[in-house]
Protein backbone atom coordinates (compact mmCIF):
# COMPACT_ATOMS: atom_id res chain seq x y z
CA UNK A 1 0.00 0.00 0.00
CA UNK A 2 1.21 3.48 -0.79
CA UNK A 3 0.84 5.54 2.36
CA UNK A 4 2.53 8.63 0.96
CA UNK A 5 1.00 11.62 2.72
CA UNK A 6 -1.08 9.46 5.09
CA UNK A 7 -1.58 10.73 8.62
CA UNK A 8 -0.72 7.79 10.86
CA UNK A 9 -0.98 9.73 14.10
CA UNK A 10 -2.14 7.31 16.79
CA UNK A 11 -1.92 4.26 14.51
CA UNK A 12 -0.78 1.03 16.13
CA UNK A 13 2.05 -0.17 13.90
CA UNK A 14 3.23 -2.91 16.25
CA UNK A 15 4.58 -5.75 14.14
CA UNK A 16 4.77 -3.60 11.01
CA UNK A 17 8.56 -3.98 10.85
CA UNK A 18 8.87 -0.21 10.55
CA UNK A 19 11.07 1.97 12.75
CA UNK A 20 11.09 5.75 12.91
CA UNK A 21 14.72 6.87 13.06
CA UNK A 22 13.70 10.48 13.60
CA UNK A 23 14.03 13.69 11.64
CA UNK A 24 17.18 15.53 10.68
CA UNK A 25 17.57 19.30 11.04
CA UNK A 26 16.17 19.80 7.51
CA UNK A 27 12.96 18.07 8.55
CA UNK A 28 13.52 14.85 6.60
CA UNK A 29 12.12 11.87 8.47
CA UNK A 30 14.17 8.66 8.28
CA UNK A 31 12.27 5.36 8.33
CA UNK A 32 13.72 1.86 8.42
CA UNK A 33 11.64 -0.99 7.00
CA UNK A 34 12.32 -4.73 7.25
CA UNK A 35 10.92 -6.96 4.53
CA UNK A 36 10.21 -10.33 6.16
CA UNK A 37 9.95 -12.13 2.82
CA UNK A 38 13.54 -11.58 1.71
CA UNK A 39 15.10 -10.38 5.01
CA UNK A 40 16.15 -7.04 3.55
CA UNK A 41 16.12 -3.54 5.04
CA UNK A 42 15.32 -0.23 3.36
CA UNK A 43 15.79 3.32 4.63
CA UNK A 44 13.46 5.98 3.35
CA UNK A 45 14.27 9.66 3.87
CA UNK A 46 12.83 12.52 1.87
CA UNK A 47 12.63 11.30 -1.73
CA UNK A 48 15.27 8.60 -1.16
CA UNK A 49 14.54 4.93 -0.71
CA UNK A 50 17.77 2.98 -0.35
CA UNK A 51 18.68 -0.58 0.55
CA UNK A 52 20.35 -0.74 3.94
CA UNK A 53 23.20 -1.08 4.56
CA UNK A 54 24.75 -1.17 1.08
CA UNK A 55 23.08 1.68 -0.81
CA UNK A 56 22.28 3.83 2.21
CA UNK A 57 25.83 3.81 3.59
CA UNK A 58 27.31 4.46 0.14
CA UNK A 59 24.92 7.37 -0.39
CA UNK A 60 25.18 9.11 2.99
CA UNK A 61 28.69 8.28 4.19
CA UNK A 62 30.25 11.34 2.55
CA UNK A 63 27.17 13.52 2.08
CA UNK A 64 26.74 16.84 3.90
CA UNK A 65 30.37 17.11 4.95
CA UNK A 66 30.01 20.87 4.38
CA UNK A 67 27.47 20.85 7.24
CA UNK A 68 29.11 18.89 10.08
CA UNK A 69 26.03 18.81 12.33
CA UNK A 70 23.79 17.46 9.54
CA UNK A 71 26.48 14.94 8.60
CA UNK A 72 26.62 13.67 12.21
CA UNK A 73 22.80 13.55 12.42
CA UNK A 74 22.58 11.35 9.33
CA UNK A 75 25.42 9.07 10.45
CA UNK A 76 23.69 8.70 13.83
CA UNK A 77 20.53 7.55 12.05
CA UNK A 78 22.56 5.00 10.10
CA UNK A 79 24.07 3.77 13.38
CA UNK A 80 20.59 3.41 14.86
CA UNK A 81 19.52 1.47 11.75
CA UNK A 82 22.55 -0.78 12.15
CA UNK A 83 21.69 -1.61 15.77
CA UNK A 84 18.06 -2.36 14.89
CA UNK A 85 19.18 -4.53 11.97
CA UNK A 86 21.54 -6.56 14.19
CA UNK A 87 18.79 -7.11 16.77
CA UNK A 88 16.13 -8.08 14.20
CA UNK A 89 18.42 -10.54 12.41
CA UNK A 90 19.50 -12.11 15.72
CA UNK A 91 15.88 -12.54 16.80
CA UNK A 92 14.98 -14.00 13.41
CA UNK A 93 17.85 -16.50 13.66
CA UNK A 94 16.76 -17.51 17.18
CA UNK A 95 13.20 -18.10 15.96
CA UNK A 96 14.41 -20.16 13.00
CA UNK A 97 16.67 -22.25 15.24
CA UNK A 98 13.81 -22.81 17.66
CA UNK A 99 11.55 -23.99 14.81
CA UNK A 100 14.23 -26.39 13.54
CA UNK A 101 14.71 -27.84 17.02
CA UNK A 102 11.02 -28.73 17.36
C-alpha atoms as a PDB file:
ATOM      1  CA  UNK A   1       0.000   0.000   0.000  1.00  0.00           C
ATOM      2  CA  UNK A   2       1.215   3.476  -0.791  1.00  0.00           C
ATOM      3  CA  UNK A   3       0.835   5.538   2.363  1.00  0.00           C
ATOM      4  CA  UNK A   4       2.526   8.630   0.959  1.00  0.00           C
ATOM      5  CA  UNK A   5       1.000  11.615   2.724  1.00  0.00           C
ATOM      6  CA  UNK A   6      -1.082   9.460   5.086  1.00  0.00           C
ATOM      7  CA  UNK A   7      -1.578  10.728   8.624  1.00  0.00           C
ATOM      8  CA  UNK A   8      -0.717   7.787  10.862  1.00  0.00           C
ATOM      9  CA  UNK A   9      -0.976   9.731  14.104  1.00  0.00           C
ATOM     10  CA  UNK A  10      -2.136   7.306  16.785  1.00  0.00           C
ATOM     11  CA  UNK A  11      -1.916   4.265  14.508  1.00  0.00           C
ATOM     12  CA  UNK A  12      -0.779   1.032  16.131  1.00  0.00           C
ATOM     13  CA  UNK A  13       2.051  -0.165  13.903  1.00  0.00           C
ATOM     14  CA  UNK A  14       3.235  -2.906  16.247  1.00  0.00           C
ATOM     15  CA  UNK A  15       4.575  -5.753  14.141  1.00  0.00           C
ATOM     16  CA  UNK A  16       4.769  -3.600  11.010  1.00  0.00           C
ATOM     17  CA  UNK A  17       8.559  -3.975  10.848  1.00  0.00           C
ATOM     18  CA  UNK A  18       8.866  -0.207  10.555  1.00  0.00           C
ATOM     19  CA  UNK A  19      11.073   1.974  12.755  1.00  0.00           C
ATOM     20  CA  UNK A  20      11.095   5.752  12.911  1.00  0.00           C
ATOM     21  CA  UNK A  21      14.725   6.867  13.059  1.00  0.00           C
ATOM     22  CA  UNK A  22      13.701  10.483  13.605  1.00  0.00           C
ATOM     23  CA  UNK A  23      14.030  13.694  11.642  1.00  0.00           C
ATOM     24  CA  UNK A  24      17.180  15.532  10.684  1.00  0.00           C
ATOM     25  CA  UNK A  25      17.571  19.300  11.041  1.00  0.00           C
ATOM     26  CA  UNK A  26      16.172  19.799   7.512  1.00  0.00           C
ATOM     27  CA  UNK A  27      12.957  18.074   8.545  1.00  0.00           C
ATOM     28  CA  UNK A  28      13.518  14.845   6.602  1.00  0.00           C
ATOM     29  CA  UNK A  29      12.122  11.872   8.466  1.00  0.00           C
ATOM     30  CA  UNK A  30      14.169   8.663   8.285  1.00  0.00           C
ATOM     31  CA  UNK A  31      12.273   5.364   8.333  1.00  0.00           C
ATOM     32  CA  UNK A  32      13.718   1.863   8.425  1.00  0.00           C
ATOM     33  CA  UNK A  33      11.640  -0.989   6.996  1.00  0.00           C
ATOM     34  CA  UNK A  34      12.324  -4.726   7.248  1.00  0.00           C
ATOM     35  CA  UNK A  35      10.925  -6.963   4.525  1.00  0.00           C
ATOM     36  CA  UNK A  36      10.207 -10.333   6.157  1.00  0.00           C
ATOM     37  CA  UNK A  37       9.955 -12.127   2.822  1.00  0.00           C
ATOM     38  CA  UNK A  38      13.544 -11.583   1.708  1.00  0.00           C
ATOM     39  CA  UNK A  39      15.103 -10.381   5.008  1.00  0.00           C
ATOM     40  CA  UNK A  40      16.154  -7.036   3.546  1.00  0.00           C
ATOM     41  CA  UNK A  41      16.117  -3.537   5.035  1.00  0.00           C
ATOM     42  CA  UNK A  42      15.317  -0.232   3.358  1.00  0.00           C
ATOM     43  CA  UNK A  43      15.791   3.316   4.627  1.00  0.00           C
ATOM     44  CA  UNK A  44      13.457   5.983   3.348  1.00  0.00           C
ATOM     45  CA  UNK A  45      14.273   9.664   3.868  1.00  0.00           C
ATOM     46  CA  UNK A  46      12.826  12.525   1.868  1.00  0.00           C
ATOM     47  CA  UNK A  47      12.626  11.303  -1.734  1.00  0.00           C
ATOM     48  CA  UNK A  48      15.271   8.604  -1.160  1.00  0.00           C
ATOM     49  CA  UNK A  49      14.538   4.926  -0.711  1.00  0.00           C
ATOM     50  CA  UNK A  50      17.772   2.980  -0.349  1.00  0.00           C
ATOM     51  CA  UNK A  51      18.684  -0.585   0.546  1.00  0.00           C
ATOM     52  CA  UNK A  52      20.345  -0.735   3.943  1.00  0.00           C
ATOM     53  CA  UNK A  53      23.202  -1.083   4.556  1.00  0.00           C
ATOM     54  CA  UNK A  54      24.754  -1.167   1.076  1.00  0.00           C
ATOM     55  CA  UNK A  55      23.081   1.681  -0.814  1.00  0.00           C
ATOM     56  CA  UNK A  56      22.277   3.829   2.212  1.00  0.00           C
ATOM     57  CA  UNK A  57      25.825   3.812   3.594  1.00  0.00           C
ATOM     58  CA  UNK A  58      27.307   4.457   0.143  1.00  0.00           C
ATOM     59  CA  UNK A  59      24.920   7.369  -0.392  1.00  0.00           C
ATOM     60  CA  UNK A  60      25.176   9.108   2.989  1.00  0.00           C
ATOM     61  CA  UNK A  61      28.691   8.275   4.194  1.00  0.00           C
ATOM     62  CA  UNK A  62      30.254  11.342   2.547  1.00  0.00           C
ATOM     63  CA  UNK A  63      27.169  13.517   2.080  1.00  0.00           C
ATOM     64  CA  UNK A  64      26.742  16.836   3.900  1.00  0.00           C
ATOM     65  CA  UNK A  65      30.369  17.108   4.953  1.00  0.00           C
ATOM     66  CA  UNK A  66      30.013  20.868   4.383  1.00  0.00           C
ATOM     67  CA  UNK A  67      27.471  20.848   7.240  1.00  0.00           C
ATOM     68  CA  UNK A  68      29.115  18.887  10.081  1.00  0.00           C
ATOM     69  CA  UNK A  69      26.029  18.810  12.327  1.00  0.00           C
ATOM     70  CA  UNK A  70      23.793  17.460   9.542  1.00  0.00           C
ATOM     71  CA  UNK A  71      26.478  14.937   8.597  1.00  0.00           C
ATOM     72  CA  UNK A  72      26.625  13.670  12.208  1.00  0.00           C
ATOM     73  CA  UNK A  73      22.802  13.550  12.421  1.00  0.00           C
ATOM     74  CA  UNK A  74      22.581  11.347   9.332  1.00  0.00           C
ATOM     75  CA  UNK A  75      25.422   9.075  10.451  1.00  0.00           C
ATOM     76  CA  UNK A  76      23.690   8.697  13.830  1.00  0.00           C
ATOM     77  CA  UNK A  77      20.527   7.546  12.053  1.00  0.00           C
ATOM     78  CA  UNK A  78      22.565   5.002  10.096  1.00  0.00           C
ATOM     79  CA  UNK A  79      24.068   3.774  13.375  1.00  0.00           C
ATOM     80  CA  UNK A  80      20.588   3.412  14.860  1.00  0.00           C
ATOM     81  CA  UNK A  81      19.517   1.473  11.749  1.00  0.00           C
ATOM     82  CA  UNK A  82      22.551  -0.785  12.152  1.00  0.00           C
ATOM     83  CA  UNK A  83      21.687  -1.612  15.772  1.00  0.00           C
ATOM     84  CA  UNK A  84      18.057  -2.359  14.895  1.00  0.00           C
ATOM     85  CA  UNK A  85      19.184  -4.534  11.970  1.00  0.00           C
ATOM     86  CA  UNK A  86      21.538  -6.556  14.192  1.00  0.00           C
ATOM     87  CA  UNK A  87      18.787  -7.105  16.768  1.00  0.00           C
ATOM     88  CA  UNK A  88      16.129  -8.082  14.199  1.00  0.00           C
ATOM     89  CA  UNK A  89      18.415 -10.537  12.409  1.00  0.00           C
ATOM     90  CA  UNK A  90      19.505 -12.105  15.718  1.00  0.00           C
ATOM     91  CA  UNK A  91      15.875 -12.544  16.800  1.00  0.00           C
ATOM     92  CA  UNK A  92      14.979 -14.000  13.406  1.00  0.00           C
ATOM     93  CA  UNK A  93      17.853 -16.501  13.658  1.00  0.00           C
ATOM     94  CA  UNK A  94      16.756 -17.507  17.177  1.00  0.00           C
ATOM     95  CA  UNK A  95      13.199 -18.097  15.958  1.00  0.00           C
ATOM     96  CA  UNK A  96      14.407 -20.160  12.998  1.00  0.00           C
ATOM     97  CA  UNK A  97      16.674 -22.250  15.242  1.00  0.00           C
ATOM     98  CA  UNK A  98      13.805 -22.811  17.663  1.00  0.00           C
ATOM     99  CA  UNK A  99      11.552 -23.987  14.808  1.00  0.00           C
ATOM    100  CA  UNK A 100      14.228 -26.388  13.537  1.00  0.00           C
ATOM    101  CA  UNK A 101      14.712 -27.845  17.019  1.00  0.00           C
ATOM    102  CA  UNK A 102      11.023 -28.734  17.356  1.00  0.00           C
END
